[in-house]
Amino acid sequence: MTTSPFTITTDPRDEKPQYVLPLVVRLEKTDPPARTDALETSARAVLTVLDDPRSSGDGEWAEAVDAWQDARIRKVVRRARGGEWRKAQTLPGITVTGRSAEVRVYPPVPLDGWPRELAKLQVSGTDLDDPEPPPPAGPATPVLWLNPEVHMSAGKTMAQTGHAAQLAWWELSDADRAAWRDSGFALAVRTASPERWARLLRSDLPVVRDAGFTEIAPGSCTVIAGHPALL
C-alpha cells in the first residue's frame, strides 16, 4: 500500500489544547496594500505581540500565549474592510502599520473559539501584488527568505512569515531581542533565488516547515529566517 504524500503524521503537539493566533489584514477594495509590505507587517505584528508585556509573566494574555506556543504555533490571517475593519479594532489586540499595510494581531484563541467579530471574516482568496519589485534588503537587515518553489496565497504567506519571525525570536539572546525591538522590528521579506535557497537550507538558520493543513503539502519548507545575529 502506498502512502499519500499529503498524509499528515502525528505530532505530540497535537495532543495539547490547540490555540491559534488571529491576524486581520485591512484590505480595502480601492486601495489594497502591496504584497511584500503586508508580509513584512504581518511578521512584525507577530513579534510585537510576543514582545508585549501582556504576553508574559502575569500579563493578561500570558496564559493563552503559553498554551499556544506549547502546541502548534498556528496562525490564521483573515481580511477585513470598512465596517468589518472598524469592528475588528474594538477587540483587544495591536494594530501594526507598514508603508501601505495595516495588520491587527490578537492574543491567541482556542482553535474553535474565535470571537464572533473575527470568525465571520473571510480567509481564502487573500491575494496581493507588488506594484514594483522590492529593492534588495540592507546588509544588516533581518531577511525572511521565501522558498522560490512554493507558491501560496498572500494570506498563507503572511502566516508563514509570522512563523519565521517567531522562530528567529525564540533563538535570539535577550540583548539581540532588545536590539531588534529598538529598531522597530526592522525586517525584510524577499524570495530567495534557487541557489541562495539551497545554501540557506544547508545553514543552521530557523526553517518553517508547514504542517500541511492548508494549500501546501505537509513538511514543505516555506521560509528561512536570516537574522544577522543567527548567522
C-alpha atoms as a PDB file:
ATOM      1  CA  MET A   1       0.000   0.000   0.000  1.00  0.00           C
ATOM      2  CA  THR A   2       1.373   3.400  -0.917  1.00  0.00           C
ATOM      3  CA  THR A   3       1.260   6.399   1.386  1.00  0.00           C
ATOM      4  CA  SER A   4      -0.128   9.675   0.103  1.00  0.00           C
ATOM      5  CA  PRO A   5       2.456  12.485   0.061  1.00  0.00           C
ATOM      6  CA  PHE A   6      -0.235  14.624   1.718  1.00  0.00           C
ATOM      7  CA  THR A   7      -0.622  12.346   4.768  1.00  0.00           C
ATOM      8  CA  ILE A   8      -0.225  14.363   7.968  1.00  0.00           C
ATOM      9  CA  THR A   9       1.873  12.449  10.506  1.00  0.00           C
ATOM     10  CA  THR A  10       1.038  12.518  14.209  1.00  0.00           C
ATOM     11  CA  ASP A  11       2.799  15.063  16.393  1.00  0.00           C
ATOM     12  CA  PRO A  12       2.841  15.206  20.216  1.00  0.00           C
ATOM     13  CA  ARG A  13       1.853  18.859  19.989  1.00  0.00           C
ATOM     14  CA  ASP A  14      -1.474  17.773  18.532  1.00  0.00           C
ATOM     15  CA  GLU A  15      -2.410  16.135  21.843  1.00  0.00           C
ATOM     16  CA  LYS A  16      -2.382  19.501  23.613  1.00  0.00           C
ATOM     17  CA  PRO A  17      -5.169  22.115  23.559  1.00  0.00           C
ATOM     18  CA  GLN A  18      -4.951  23.892  20.219  1.00  0.00           C
ATOM     19  CA  TYR A  19      -4.828  27.661  20.005  1.00  0.00           C
ATOM     20  CA  VAL A  20      -4.466  29.965  17.021  1.00  0.00           C
ATOM     21  CA  LEU A  21      -3.032  33.469  16.700  1.00  0.00           C
ATOM     22  CA  PRO A  22      -5.549  35.598  14.766  1.00  0.00           C
ATOM     23  CA  LEU A  23      -4.286  38.258  12.388  1.00  0.00           C
ATOM     24  CA  VAL A  24      -6.506  40.541  10.336  1.00  0.00           C
ATOM     25  CA  VAL A  25      -5.214  42.485   7.350  1.00  0.00           C
ATOM     26  CA  ARG A  26      -7.049  45.573   6.186  1.00  0.00           C
ATOM     27  CA  LEU A  27      -7.959  45.003   2.558  1.00  0.00           C
ATOM     28  CA  GLU A  28      -9.978  47.832   1.056  1.00  0.00           C
ATOM     29  CA  LYS A  29     -11.222  47.330  -2.495  1.00  0.00           C
ATOM     30  CA  THR A  30      -9.835  50.583  -3.844  1.00  0.00           C
ATOM     31  CA  ASP A  31      -6.514  50.735  -2.007  1.00  0.00           C
ATOM     32  CA  PRO A  32      -5.081  47.289  -1.192  1.00  0.00           C
ATOM     33  CA  PRO A  33      -1.621  47.065   0.389  1.00  0.00           C
ATOM     34  CA  ALA A  34       1.438  45.920  -1.508  1.00  0.00           C
ATOM     35  CA  ARG A  35       2.111  42.223  -1.072  1.00  0.00           C
ATOM     36  CA  THR A  36       5.646  42.470   0.330  1.00  0.00           C
ATOM     37  CA  ASP A  37       4.654  45.200   2.757  1.00  0.00           C
ATOM     38  CA  ALA A  38       1.762  43.038   4.005  1.00  0.00           C
ATOM     39  CA  LEU A  39       4.124  40.097   4.507  1.00  0.00           C
ATOM     40  CA  GLU A  40       6.595  42.233   6.421  1.00  0.00           C
ATOM     41  CA  THR A  41       3.895  43.909   8.510  1.00  0.00           C
ATOM     42  CA  SER A  42       2.423  40.538   9.450  1.00  0.00           C
ATOM     43  CA  ALA A  43       5.834  39.328  10.653  1.00  0.00           C
ATOM     44  CA  ARG A  44       6.339  42.488  12.694  1.00  0.00           C
ATOM     45  CA  ALA A  45       2.859  42.084  14.178  1.00  0.00           C
ATOM     46  CA  VAL A  46       3.772  38.625  15.467  1.00  0.00           C
ATOM     47  CA  LEU A  47       6.981  39.960  17.021  1.00  0.00           C
ATOM     48  CA  THR A  48       5.072  42.847  18.567  1.00  0.00           C
ATOM     49  CA  VAL A  49       2.571  40.594  20.335  1.00  0.00           C
ATOM     50  CA  LEU A  50       5.326  38.237  21.525  1.00  0.00           C
ATOM     51  CA  ASP A  51       7.225  41.193  22.986  1.00  0.00           C
ATOM     52  CA  ASP A  52       4.185  42.814  24.590  1.00  0.00           C
ATOM     53  CA  PRO A  53       4.252  42.757  28.432  1.00  0.00           C
ATOM     54  CA  ARG A  54       0.731  41.336  28.397  1.00  0.00           C
ATOM     55  CA  SER A  55       2.080  38.166  26.750  1.00  0.00           C
ATOM     56  CA  SER A  56       4.442  37.064  29.537  1.00  0.00           C
ATOM     57  CA  GLY A  57       4.712  36.756  33.292  1.00  0.00           C
ATOM     58  CA  ASP A  58       1.450  37.763  34.937  1.00  0.00           C
ATOM     59  CA  GLY A  59       0.195  39.534  31.823  1.00  0.00           C
ATOM     60  CA  GLU A  60      -3.435  39.159  30.837  1.00  0.00           C
ATOM     61  CA  TRP A  61      -2.530  37.329  27.613  1.00  0.00           C
ATOM     62  CA  ALA A  62       0.255  35.169  29.079  1.00  0.00           C
ATOM     63  CA  GLU A  63      -1.774  32.024  29.729  1.00  0.00           C
ATOM     64  CA  ALA A  64      -3.166  31.953  26.196  1.00  0.00           C
ATOM     65  CA  VAL A  65       0.242  32.727  24.660  1.00  0.00           C
ATOM     66  CA  ASP A  66       1.900  29.927  26.656  1.00  0.00           C
ATOM     67  CA  ALA A  67      -0.787  27.416  25.666  1.00  0.00           C
ATOM     68  CA  TRP A  68      -0.465  28.456  22.032  1.00  0.00           C
ATOM     69  CA  GLN A  69       3.318  28.137  21.997  1.00  0.00           C
ATOM     70  CA  ASP A  70       3.220  24.746  23.746  1.00  0.00           C
ATOM     71  CA  ALA A  71       1.176  23.273  20.884  1.00  0.00           C
ATOM     72  CA  ARG A  72       1.454  24.078  17.190  1.00  0.00           C
ATOM     73  CA  ILE A  73       2.028  27.779  16.623  1.00  0.00           C
ATOM     74  CA  ARG A  74      -0.951  28.128  14.318  1.00  0.00           C
ATOM     75  CA  LYS A  75      -1.680  31.490  12.765  1.00  0.00           C
ATOM     76  CA  VAL A  76      -4.652  32.404  10.596  1.00  0.00           C
ATOM     77  CA  VAL A  77      -4.863  35.581   8.550  1.00  0.00           C
ATOM     78  CA  ARG A  78      -8.309  36.960   7.757  1.00  0.00           C
ATOM     79  CA  ARG A  79      -9.202  40.077   5.812  1.00  0.00           C
ATOM     80  CA  ALA A  80     -11.499  42.981   6.614  1.00  0.00           C
ATOM     81  CA  ARG A  81     -12.550  46.303   5.147  1.00  0.00           C
ATOM     82  CA  GLY A  82     -14.820  49.187   6.008  1.00  0.00           C
ATOM     83  CA  GLY A  83     -17.137  48.430   8.910  1.00  0.00           C
ATOM     84  CA  GLU A  84     -15.595  44.983   9.402  1.00  0.00           C
ATOM     85  CA  TRP A  85     -12.206  46.580   9.985  1.00  0.00           C
ATOM     86  CA  ARG A  86     -13.658  49.112  12.413  1.00  0.00           C
ATOM     87  CA  LYS A  87     -15.335  46.336  14.413  1.00  0.00           C
ATOM     88  CA  ALA A  88     -12.102  44.329  14.422  1.00  0.00           C
ATOM     89  CA  GLN A  89     -10.382  47.317  16.029  1.00  0.00           C
ATOM     90  CA  THR A  90     -12.683  47.134  19.057  1.00  0.00           C
ATOM     91  CA  LEU A  91     -11.319  43.766  20.229  1.00  0.00           C
ATOM     92  CA  PRO A  92      -8.183  43.647  22.415  1.00  0.00           C
ATOM     93  CA  GLY A  93      -5.154  43.499  20.163  1.00  0.00           C
ATOM     94  CA  ILE A  94      -2.413  45.518  18.489  1.00  0.00           C
ATOM     95  CA  THR A  95      -2.504  47.207  15.089  1.00  0.00           C
ATOM     96  CA  VAL A  96       0.822  47.321  13.271  1.00  0.00           C
ATOM     97  CA  THR A  97       1.219  49.639  10.302  1.00  0.00           C
ATOM     98  CA  GLY A  98       3.604  49.336   7.376  1.00  0.00           C
ATOM     99  CA  ARG A  99       4.120  51.588   4.370  1.00  0.00           C
ATOM    100  CA  SER A 100       0.778  50.572   2.882  1.00  0.00           C
ATOM    101  CA  ALA A 101      -0.413  47.681   5.059  1.00  0.00           C
ATOM    102  CA  GLU A 102      -2.317  47.548   8.332  1.00  0.00           C
ATOM    103  CA  VAL A 103      -2.420  44.300  10.286  1.00  0.00           C
ATOM    104  CA  ARG A 104      -4.104  43.769  13.628  1.00  0.00           C
ATOM    105  CA  VAL A 105      -2.899  40.880  15.797  1.00  0.00           C
ATOM    106  CA  TYR A 106      -4.830  39.460  18.729  1.00  0.00           C
ATOM    107  CA  PRO A 107      -3.953  37.245  21.683  1.00  0.00           C
ATOM    108  CA  PRO A 108      -4.309  33.541  20.859  1.00  0.00           C
ATOM    109  CA  VAL A 109      -7.773  31.991  20.996  1.00  0.00           C
ATOM    110  CA  PRO A 110      -8.885  28.340  21.104  1.00  0.00           C
ATOM    111  CA  LEU A 111      -8.992  26.823  17.639  1.00  0.00           C
ATOM    112  CA  ASP A 112     -12.775  26.509  17.829  1.00  0.00           C
ATOM    113  CA  GLY A 113     -13.326  29.627  19.955  1.00  0.00           C
ATOM    114  CA  TRP A 114     -12.880  32.603  17.635  1.00  0.00           C
ATOM    115  CA  PRO A 115     -14.606  35.842  18.653  1.00  0.00           C
ATOM    116  CA  ARG A 116     -17.727  36.354  16.556  1.00  0.00           C
ATOM    117  CA  GLU A 117     -16.391  39.593  15.062  1.00  0.00           C
ATOM    118  CA  LEU A 118     -13.387  37.717  13.658  1.00  0.00           C
ATOM    119  CA  ALA A 119     -14.940  34.342  12.895  1.00  0.00           C
ATOM    120  CA  LYS A 120     -17.119  35.799  10.162  1.00  0.00           C
ATOM    121  CA  LEU A 121     -14.200  37.377   8.310  1.00  0.00           C
ATOM    122  CA  GLN A 122     -13.012  35.566   5.190  1.00  0.00           C
ATOM    123  CA  VAL A 123      -9.734  33.675   4.988  1.00  0.00           C
ATOM    124  CA  SER A 124      -9.457  32.301   1.447  1.00  0.00           C
ATOM    125  CA  GLY A 125      -8.816  34.419  -1.587  1.00  0.00           C
ATOM    126  CA  THR A 126      -6.499  36.912   0.050  1.00  0.00           C
ATOM    127  CA  ASP A 127      -4.045  37.754  -2.698  1.00  0.00           C
ATOM    128  CA  LEU A 128      -1.982  40.856  -3.304  1.00  0.00           C
ATOM    129  CA  ASP A 129       0.566  42.197  -5.771  1.00  0.00           C
ATOM    130  CA  ASP A 130       3.626  44.396  -5.588  1.00  0.00           C
ATOM    131  CA  PRO A 131       3.361  47.461  -7.832  1.00  0.00           C
ATOM    132  CA  GLU A 132       7.104  47.120  -8.442  1.00  0.00           C
ATOM    133  CA  PRO A 133       9.772  44.638  -7.313  1.00  0.00           C
ATOM    134  CA  PRO A 134      11.023  45.321  -3.775  1.00  0.00           C
ATOM    135  CA  PRO A 135      14.616  46.616  -3.567  1.00  0.00           C
ATOM    136  CA  PRO A 136      17.444  44.488  -2.141  1.00  0.00           C
ATOM    137  CA  ALA A 137      17.465  44.356   1.644  1.00  0.00           C
ATOM    138  CA  GLY A 138      20.222  46.174   3.509  1.00  0.00           C
ATOM    139  CA  PRO A 139      23.185  44.080   4.692  1.00  0.00           C
ATOM    140  CA  ALA A 140      22.261  44.419   8.387  1.00  0.00           C
ATOM    141  CA  THR A 141      18.519  43.851   7.909  1.00  0.00           C
ATOM    142  CA  PRO A 142      16.989  40.561   9.063  1.00  0.00           C
ATOM    143  CA  VAL A 143      15.563  38.855   5.989  1.00  0.00           C
ATOM    144  CA  LEU A 144      12.825  36.247   5.901  1.00  0.00           C
ATOM    145  CA  TRP A 145      13.619  34.283   2.760  1.00  0.00           C
ATOM    146  CA  LEU A 146      10.721  32.708   0.849  1.00  0.00           C
ATOM    147  CA  ASN A 147      11.113  29.389  -0.919  1.00  0.00           C
ATOM    148  CA  PRO A 148      11.102  30.201  -4.668  1.00  0.00           C
ATOM    149  CA  GLU A 149       9.428  26.890  -5.493  1.00  0.00           C
ATOM    150  CA  VAL A 150       6.461  27.059  -3.108  1.00  0.00           C
ATOM    151  CA  HIS A 151       3.530  29.206  -4.195  1.00  0.00           C
ATOM    152  CA  MET A 152       0.996  30.369  -1.595  1.00  0.00           C
ATOM    153  CA  SER A 153      -1.743  32.951  -1.322  1.00  0.00           C
ATOM    154  CA  ALA A 154      -0.833  36.243   0.324  1.00  0.00           C
ATOM    155  CA  GLY A 155      -2.773  35.300   3.453  1.00  0.00           C
ATOM    156  CA  LYS A 156      -0.990  31.969   3.794  1.00  0.00           C
ATOM    157  CA  THR A 157       2.374  33.601   3.165  1.00  0.00           C
ATOM    158  CA  MET A 158       1.658  36.242   5.821  1.00  0.00           C
ATOM    159  CA  ALA A 159       1.161  33.435   8.337  1.00  0.00           C
ATOM    160  CA  GLN A 160       4.389  31.790   7.200  1.00  0.00           C
ATOM    161  CA  THR A 161       6.480  34.951   7.554  1.00  0.00           C
ATOM    162  CA  GLY A 162       4.986  35.346  11.014  1.00  0.00           C
ATOM    163  CA  HIS A 163       6.150  31.804  11.822  1.00  0.00           C
ATOM    164  CA  ALA A 164       9.658  32.592  10.603  1.00  0.00           C
ATOM    165  CA  ALA A 165       9.888  35.758  12.677  1.00  0.00           C
ATOM    166  CA  GLN A 166       8.730  33.816  15.726  1.00  0.00           C
ATOM    167  CA  LEU A 167      11.315  31.064  15.215  1.00  0.00           C
ATOM    168  CA  ALA A 168      14.042  33.695  14.964  1.00  0.00           C
ATOM    169  CA  TRP A 169      12.743  35.417  18.128  1.00  0.00           C
ATOM    170  CA  TRP A 170      12.978  32.158  20.064  1.00  0.00           C
ATOM    171  CA  GLU A 171      16.625  31.746  19.057  1.00  0.00           C
ATOM    172  CA  LEU A 172      17.805  35.253  19.975  1.00  0.00           C
ATOM    173  CA  SER A 173      19.504  36.340  23.178  1.00  0.00           C
ATOM    174  CA  ASP A 174      17.888  38.988  25.365  1.00  0.00           C
ATOM    175  CA  ALA A 175      20.373  41.549  24.040  1.00  0.00           C
ATOM    176  CA  ASP A 176      19.592  40.698  20.422  1.00  0.00           C
ATOM    177  CA  ARG A 177      15.869  40.841  21.128  1.00  0.00           C
ATOM    178  CA  ALA A 178      16.310  44.284  22.681  1.00  0.00           C
ATOM    179  CA  ALA A 179      18.253  45.490  19.643  1.00  0.00           C
ATOM    180  CA  TRP A 180      15.540  44.211  17.311  1.00  0.00           C
ATOM    181  CA  ARG A 181      12.883  45.879  19.428  1.00  0.00           C
ATOM    182  CA  ASP A 182      14.804  49.174  19.338  1.00  0.00           C
ATOM    183  CA  SER A 183      14.866  49.002  15.538  1.00  0.00           C
ATOM    184  CA  GLY A 184      11.072  48.747  15.451  1.00  0.00           C
ATOM    185  CA  PHE A 185      11.469  45.089  14.444  1.00  0.00           C
ATOM    186  CA  ALA A 186      13.013  46.072  11.140  1.00  0.00           C
ATOM    187  CA  LEU A 187      12.956  43.191   8.666  1.00  0.00           C
ATOM    188  CA  ALA A 188      12.544  42.373   5.005  1.00  0.00           C
ATOM    189  CA  VAL A 189      10.754  39.578   3.169  1.00  0.00           C
ATOM    190  CA  ARG A 190      12.324  38.514  -0.086  1.00  0.00           C
ATOM    191  CA  THR A 191      12.089  35.497  -2.374  1.00  0.00           C
ATOM    192  CA  ALA A 192      15.379  33.632  -2.493  1.00  0.00           C
ATOM    193  CA  SER A 193      16.950  32.580  -5.747  1.00  0.00           C
ATOM    194  CA  PRO A 194      17.125  28.774  -6.130  1.00  0.00           C
ATOM    195  CA  GLU A 195      20.874  28.927  -5.484  1.00  0.00           C
ATOM    196  CA  ARG A 196      20.505  31.024  -2.330  1.00  0.00           C
ATOM    197  CA  TRP A 197      17.677  28.818  -1.070  1.00  0.00           C
ATOM    198  CA  ALA A 198      19.863  25.727  -1.439  1.00  0.00           C
ATOM    199  CA  ARG A 199      22.631  27.424   0.565  1.00  0.00           C
ATOM    200  CA  LEU A 200      20.200  28.564   3.244  1.00  0.00           C
ATOM    201  CA  LEU A 201      18.861  25.030   3.668  1.00  0.00           C
ATOM    202  CA  ARG A 202      22.396  23.889   4.478  1.00  0.00           C
ATOM    203  CA  SER A 203      22.737  26.516   7.212  1.00  0.00           C
ATOM    204  CA  ASP A 204      21.582  26.339  10.823  1.00  0.00           C
ATOM    205  CA  LEU A 205      19.036  29.132  10.392  1.00  0.00           C
ATOM    206  CA  PRO A 206      15.434  28.549  11.564  1.00  0.00           C
ATOM    207  CA  VAL A 207      13.251  26.963   8.881  1.00  0.00           C
ATOM    208  CA  VAL A 208       9.455  26.981   8.744  1.00  0.00           C
ATOM    209  CA  ARG A 209       8.138  23.524   7.883  1.00  0.00           C
ATOM    210  CA  ASP A 210       4.431  23.730   7.234  1.00  0.00           C
ATOM    211  CA  ALA A 211       2.064  21.281   8.911  1.00  0.00           C
ATOM    212  CA  GLY A 212       0.119  20.917   5.684  1.00  0.00           C
ATOM    213  CA  PHE A 213      -3.335  21.899   6.931  1.00  0.00           C
ATOM    214  CA  THR A 214      -3.942  24.290   4.007  1.00  0.00           C
ATOM    215  CA  GLU A 215      -2.685  24.942   0.469  1.00  0.00           C
ATOM    216  CA  ILE A 216       0.637  23.037   0.538  1.00  0.00           C
ATOM    217  CA  ALA A 217       1.968  19.589   1.385  1.00  0.00           C
ATOM    218  CA  PRO A 218       2.953  18.843   4.996  1.00  0.00           C
ATOM    219  CA  GLY A 219       6.646  19.258   5.670  1.00  0.00           C
ATOM    220  CA  SER A 220       7.109  21.873   2.957  1.00  0.00           C
ATOM    221  CA  CYS A 221       9.910  24.291   3.816  1.00  0.00           C
ATOM    222  CA  THR A 222       8.441  27.722   3.196  1.00  0.00           C
ATOM    223  CA  VAL A 223      10.552  30.425   4.885  1.00  0.00           C
ATOM    224  CA  ILE A 224      14.042  30.671   6.378  1.00  0.00           C
ATOM    225  CA  ALA A 225      14.743  33.345   8.987  1.00  0.00           C
ATOM    226  CA  GLY A 226      18.011  35.085   8.124  1.00  0.00           C
ATOM    227  CA  HIS A 227      18.561  37.209  11.217  1.00  0.00           C
ATOM    228  CA  PRO A 228      22.182  38.529  11.304  1.00  0.00           C
ATOM    229  CA  ALA A 229      22.557  37.508  14.961  1.00  0.00           C
ATOM    230  CA  LEU A 230      21.940  33.888  13.966  1.00  0.00           C
ATOM    231  CA  LEU A 231      24.428  33.754  11.113  1.00  0.00           C
END
